Protein backbone atom coordinates (compact mmCIF):
# COMPACT_ATOMS: atom_id res chain seq x y z
CA UNK A 1 -0.03 0.30 -0.28
CA UNK A 2 2.72 2.59 0.82
CA UNK A 3 4.64 2.02 -2.40
CA UNK A 4 1.38 2.20 -4.56
CA UNK A 5 0.82 5.71 -2.41
CA UNK A 6 4.07 7.21 -3.74
CA UNK A 7 3.22 6.39 -7.32
CA UNK A 8 -0.73 8.17 -7.11
CA UNK A 9 -0.55 11.64 -7.39
CA UNK A 10 -3.89 11.85 -5.63
CA UNK A 11 -1.62 11.11 -2.27
CA UNK A 12 0.96 13.92 -2.47
CA UNK A 13 2.24 16.69 -3.92
CA UNK A 14 6.09 17.33 -4.90
CA UNK A 15 7.36 20.30 -2.92
CA UNK A 16 10.18 22.53 -4.67
CA UNK A 17 12.10 23.64 -1.02
CA UNK A 18 13.64 27.39 -2.79
CA UNK A 19 16.50 28.76 -1.30
CA UNK A 20 14.42 30.58 1.77
CA UNK A 21 13.87 26.96 3.09
CA UNK A 22 16.98 25.80 2.41
CA UNK A 23 18.81 28.87 4.31
CA UNK A 24 16.45 28.49 6.92
CA UNK A 25 16.88 24.41 7.46
CA UNK A 26 20.75 25.48 7.48
CA UNK A 27 20.26 28.13 10.33
CA UNK A 28 18.44 25.99 12.43
CA UNK A 29 21.59 23.71 12.61
CA UNK A 30 23.58 26.52 13.25
CA UNK A 31 21.33 27.55 16.18
CA UNK A 32 22.12 24.17 17.78
CA UNK A 33 19.27 21.83 15.98
CA UNK A 34 20.94 18.70 14.80
CA UNK A 35 18.41 17.11 13.05
CA UNK A 36 18.66 18.69 9.38
CA UNK A 37 15.16 16.33 8.78
CA UNK A 38 13.30 18.14 11.42
CA UNK A 39 15.04 21.33 10.21
CA UNK A 40 14.35 21.11 6.17
CA UNK A 41 10.60 20.01 7.14
CA UNK A 42 9.60 22.94 9.51
CA UNK A 43 11.24 25.46 6.96
CA UNK A 44 9.14 24.07 4.20
CA UNK A 45 6.09 24.32 6.61
CA UNK A 46 7.30 28.15 7.03
CA UNK A 47 8.02 28.70 3.66
CA UNK A 48 5.26 26.87 1.89
CA UNK A 49 2.65 27.83 4.57
CA UNK A 50 2.02 24.22 5.76
CA UNK A 51 1.60 22.26 8.93
CA UNK A 52 4.48 20.71 10.26
CA UNK A 53 3.29 17.20 11.90
CA UNK A 54 5.31 16.07 14.33
CA UNK A 55 5.49 14.55 17.65
CA UNK A 56 9.14 15.72 18.47
CA UNK A 57 8.64 18.04 21.56
CA UNK A 58 12.13 18.75 22.42
CA UNK A 59 12.20 20.54 18.56
CA UNK A 60 8.96 22.39 19.55
CA UNK A 61 10.91 23.66 22.77
CA UNK A 62 13.98 24.18 20.79
CA UNK A 63 11.83 26.77 18.42
CA UNK A 64 10.01 28.29 21.18
CA UNK A 65 13.14 29.00 22.96
CA UNK A 66 14.72 30.43 19.87
CA UNK A 67 11.76 32.54 19.67
CA UNK A 68 10.97 31.05 16.26
CA UNK A 69 7.18 30.71 15.00
CA UNK A 70 5.46 27.41 16.18
CA UNK A 71 2.15 28.12 14.83
CA UNK A 72 2.61 25.27 11.64
CA UNK A 73 4.18 22.72 14.21
CA UNK A 74 1.56 20.32 15.42
CA UNK A 75 1.36 17.15 16.74
CA UNK A 76 -0.69 14.44 15.22
CA UNK A 77 -3.69 14.61 17.54
CA UNK A 78 -3.76 18.16 16.69
CA UNK A 79 -3.42 17.67 13.07
CA UNK A 80 -6.44 15.13 13.50
CA UNK A 81 -8.88 17.39 15.57
CA UNK A 82 -8.20 20.52 12.85
CA UNK A 83 -9.21 17.85 10.43
CA UNK A 84 -12.22 17.04 11.98
CA UNK A 85 -13.05 20.72 12.66
CA UNK A 86 -12.98 21.13 8.95
CA UNK A 87 -15.19 18.38 8.14
């Protein structure tokens, strides 16, 4: 099922990262967050105005400590609640 979803365009949309997202992800690493995958996903959520679903509360606390926006950072349960409210 998961492999079929990768090749079905109804399940996803490719997102180009762009220079701002790469710069932001790199900056997060310089600020001290070592997980570049988290950094890239967060940067994409900010630059592309998307939700960044994550259970990593350490990362969220890191963002808060650095005074970075966390409004697009949501746990899975927060995201599911938001989807329920829309439907």
